[in-house]
Amino acid sequence: MLRESALPILELFQELTMADVAFVVTMAAVFALVALIAKGVSKL
């Protein structure tokens, strides 16, 4: 019973994990970009 109900949850977890990884990478890239812009502005 547990194994049958665990499969869809596992698939859902994998999809959520991939979405979370993509989200975190995107946020990290945006944060790095903002930090670079802030450094450039502070030099001016």
N, C-alpha and C. Protein backbone atom coordinates (compact mmCIF):
# COMPACT_ATOMS: atom_id res chain seq x y z
N MET A 1 0.84 -1.21 0.00
CA MET A 1 0.00 0.00 0.00
C MET A 1 0.87 1.26 0.00
N LEU A 2 1.91 1.24 0.84
CA LEU A 2 2.79 2.40 0.91
C LEU A 2 3.57 2.59 -0.39
N ARG A 3 4.03 1.49 -0.97
CA ARG A 3 4.82 1.58 -2.20
C ARG A 3 4.00 2.16 -3.36
N GLU A 4 2.71 1.77 -3.44
CA GLU A 4 1.86 2.25 -4.53
C GLU A 4 1.64 3.75 -4.42
N SER A 5 1.43 4.25 -3.21
CA SER A 5 1.16 5.67 -3.02
C SER A 5 2.46 6.50 -3.04
N ALA A 6 3.60 5.84 -2.85
CA ALA A 6 4.88 6.56 -2.80
C ALA A 6 5.38 6.95 -4.19
N LEU A 7 5.02 6.16 -5.21
CA LEU A 7 5.52 6.44 -6.56
C LEU A 7 5.11 7.81 -7.09
N PRO A 8 3.82 8.18 -7.07
CA PRO A 8 3.44 9.51 -7.56
C PRO A 8 4.08 10.63 -6.75
N ILE A 9 4.19 10.40 -5.43
CA ILE A 9 4.82 11.41 -4.57
C ILE A 9 6.29 11.60 -4.95
N LEU A 10 6.95 10.48 -5.27
CA LEU A 10 8.36 10.54 -5.65
C LEU A 10 8.52 11.31 -6.97
N GLU A 11 7.62 11.03 -7.92
CA GLU A 11 7.68 11.75 -9.21
C GLU A 11 7.42 13.23 -9.01
N LEU A 12 6.44 13.55 -8.18
CA LEU A 12 6.12 14.95 -7.88
C LEU A 12 7.30 15.64 -7.21
N PHE A 13 7.94 14.92 -6.28
CA PHE A 13 9.10 15.47 -5.56
C PHE A 13 10.24 15.76 -6.53
N GLN A 14 10.45 14.85 -7.51
CA GLN A 14 11.52 15.06 -8.49
C GLN A 14 11.23 16.31 -9.32
N GLU A 15 9.97 16.49 -9.76
CA GLU A 15 9.60 17.65 -10.55
C GLU A 15 9.78 18.93 -9.74
N LEU A 16 9.35 18.88 -8.47
CA LEU A 16 9.50 20.06 -7.61
C LEU A 16 10.97 20.36 -7.37
N THR A 17 11.78 19.31 -7.20
CA THR A 17 13.21 19.50 -6.96
C THR A 17 13.88 20.16 -8.17
N MET A 18 13.54 19.71 -9.37
CA MET A 18 14.11 20.31 -10.58
C MET A 18 13.68 21.76 -10.70
N ALA A 19 12.41 22.05 -10.39
CA ALA A 19 11.90 23.42 -10.44
C ALA A 19 12.61 24.27 -9.39
N ASP A 20 12.82 23.70 -8.19
CA ASP A 20 13.51 24.42 -7.12
C ASP A 20 14.95 24.73 -7.52
N VAL A 21 15.63 23.75 -8.13
CA VAL A 21 17.02 23.94 -8.55
C VAL A 21 17.09 25.05 -9.59
N ALA A 22 16.19 25.04 -10.56
CA ALA A 22 16.17 26.07 -11.60
C ALA A 22 15.89 27.44 -10.98
N PHE A 23 14.97 27.48 -10.01
CA PHE A 23 14.63 28.73 -9.33
C PHE A 23 15.81 29.28 -8.55
N VAL A 24 16.49 28.41 -7.81
CA VAL A 24 17.64 28.84 -7.01
C VAL A 24 18.77 29.33 -7.90
N VAL A 25 19.02 28.62 -9.02
CA VAL A 25 20.08 29.04 -9.95
C VAL A 25 19.74 30.40 -10.55
N THR A 26 18.46 30.59 -10.92
CA THR A 26 18.04 31.88 -11.50
C THR A 26 18.21 32.99 -10.48
N MET A 27 17.77 32.75 -9.24
CA MET A 27 17.89 33.77 -8.20
C MET A 27 19.36 34.08 -7.91
N ALA A 28 20.21 33.06 -7.92
CA ALA A 28 21.64 33.28 -7.68
C ALA A 28 22.23 34.13 -8.79
N ALA A 29 21.81 33.87 -10.04
CA ALA A 29 22.32 34.65 -11.18
C ALA A 29 21.86 36.10 -11.08
N VAL A 30 20.60 36.30 -10.71
CA VAL A 30 20.06 37.67 -10.56
C VAL A 30 20.80 38.40 -9.43
N PHE A 31 21.01 37.69 -8.31
CA PHE A 31 21.70 38.28 -7.16
C PHE A 31 23.13 38.67 -7.55
N ALA A 32 23.83 37.79 -8.29
CA ALA A 32 25.20 38.08 -8.72
C ALA A 32 25.21 39.30 -9.65
N LEU A 33 24.22 39.37 -10.53
CA LEU A 33 24.13 40.50 -11.47
C LEU A 33 23.91 41.81 -10.70
N VAL A 34 23.01 41.77 -9.73
CA VAL A 34 22.74 42.97 -8.91
C VAL A 34 23.99 43.37 -8.13
N ALA A 35 24.71 42.39 -7.60
CA ALA A 35 25.94 42.67 -6.86
C ALA A 35 26.99 43.31 -7.76
N LEU A 36 27.11 42.80 -9.00
CA LEU A 36 28.07 43.37 -9.95
C LEU A 36 27.69 44.81 -10.28
N ILE A 37 26.41 45.06 -10.51
CA ILE A 37 25.93 46.42 -10.83
C ILE A 37 26.21 47.34 -9.64
N ALA A 38 25.96 46.85 -8.42
CA ALA A 38 26.19 47.65 -7.22
C ALA A 38 27.67 48.01 -7.09
N LYS A 39 28.54 47.04 -7.39
CA LYS A 39 29.99 47.30 -7.34
C LYS A 39 30.37 48.36 -8.36
N GLY A 40 29.83 48.23 -9.59
CA GLY A 40 30.13 49.20 -10.65
C GLY A 40 29.64 50.59 -10.28
N VAL A 41 28.45 50.68 -9.69
CA VAL A 41 27.88 51.98 -9.30
C VAL A 41 28.69 52.60 -8.17
N SER A 42 29.14 51.79 -7.22
CA SER A 42 29.89 52.31 -6.08
C SER A 42 31.25 52.86 -6.52
N LYS A 43 31.80 52.33 -7.63
CA LYS A 43 33.07 52.86 -8.14
C LYS A 43 32.88 54.23 -8.77
N LEU A 44 31.69 54.47 -9.31
CA LEU A 44 31.40 55.78 -9.91
C LEU A 44 31.17 56.78 -8.77
